[in-house]
Amino acid sequence: MGIKEAKHEILLLTDADCVPATEFWMHRMQDGYEEDTEIVLGYGGFKKKPGLLNKLIRFDTFHTALQYFSFALAGKPYMGVGRNLSYKKGLFFRHKGFSSLNHVLSGDDDLFISLAANKRNTRVMLDPDAFIISEPKTRFSDWIRQKGRHYSTAKYYKFVHKFLLGLYSFSFFLFYPLFIASMILFDWRMTLGVYMVRMITQAIIYKKAMKKFGENDLFGLWLFFDIWMFLYYLIFASSLWKKPRKTWR
């Protein structure tokens, strides 16, 4: 109803518990529009606080952003985050709004972008002035529940996106078990050489991307986070086929 009543064509969306990183948020997100642009994807980070959980949440947010921004830049946009997202009113109504997503408990921001975005009409905005900051969860169980709800929408992505994301996750999940097996079964020097090439490449990507997203302090723990991803995919694998629990009160 809010979109229907909007007086102008460009819509800029966020959540009630979010704060723009700077006073130029609206200006920078609007700068993302060019002649054919109908969608602008922004970054929604979390406030930096002490503790391991905060770093896990922020790394997960960074890693997710690294994926959906990379896919968008490669011409295959598949999601955005409702905390920092802009699209045109006409686009929304051409695709009949959220009518095809009414059966989904959450994730309308993900799925609408998956439905409406393409390589011609979508741009990303990586200017730090355009970032949004949110309050992170303070309990591990709450974060797990929130992430499970987010992952439950992934089954509705287009096949090509599910295949590519699944391939990436599968390779991440298998890397350390196969590394250990290769060290035992093959020449450890060759195995270690392959491992080092992969890790150096990963470190370079993380270093540059973390600087871009303003998450530089996470780089010191990047190897820990890389190993953590193995457990991460174990924890959340079931969310891809389980239905999220309803939490209406």
Foldseek 3Di string as FASTA:
>chain_A
DVLVPDPDWKDKFADPQKDQPAPCQVVLQVVQDDDQAFKEAEQEAEDDDDDDVNLLRRVVSLVVCVVQQVCLQVFRHQFHDRRTIMGTSVLCVVVPHCVVVPVQPDDSRRHSCLVRPTNRHYYYGLPSSNYMYGHDDDDPVVVLLVVLSNLQCVLVHDPVVNVVVVVVLVCLLCVPVVLVVCCVPHPVVVSVVVVVVVVVVVLVVCCVSCVSNVNNVSSVCVVVVSVVSNVVCVSNVCSNPDDRDDDDD
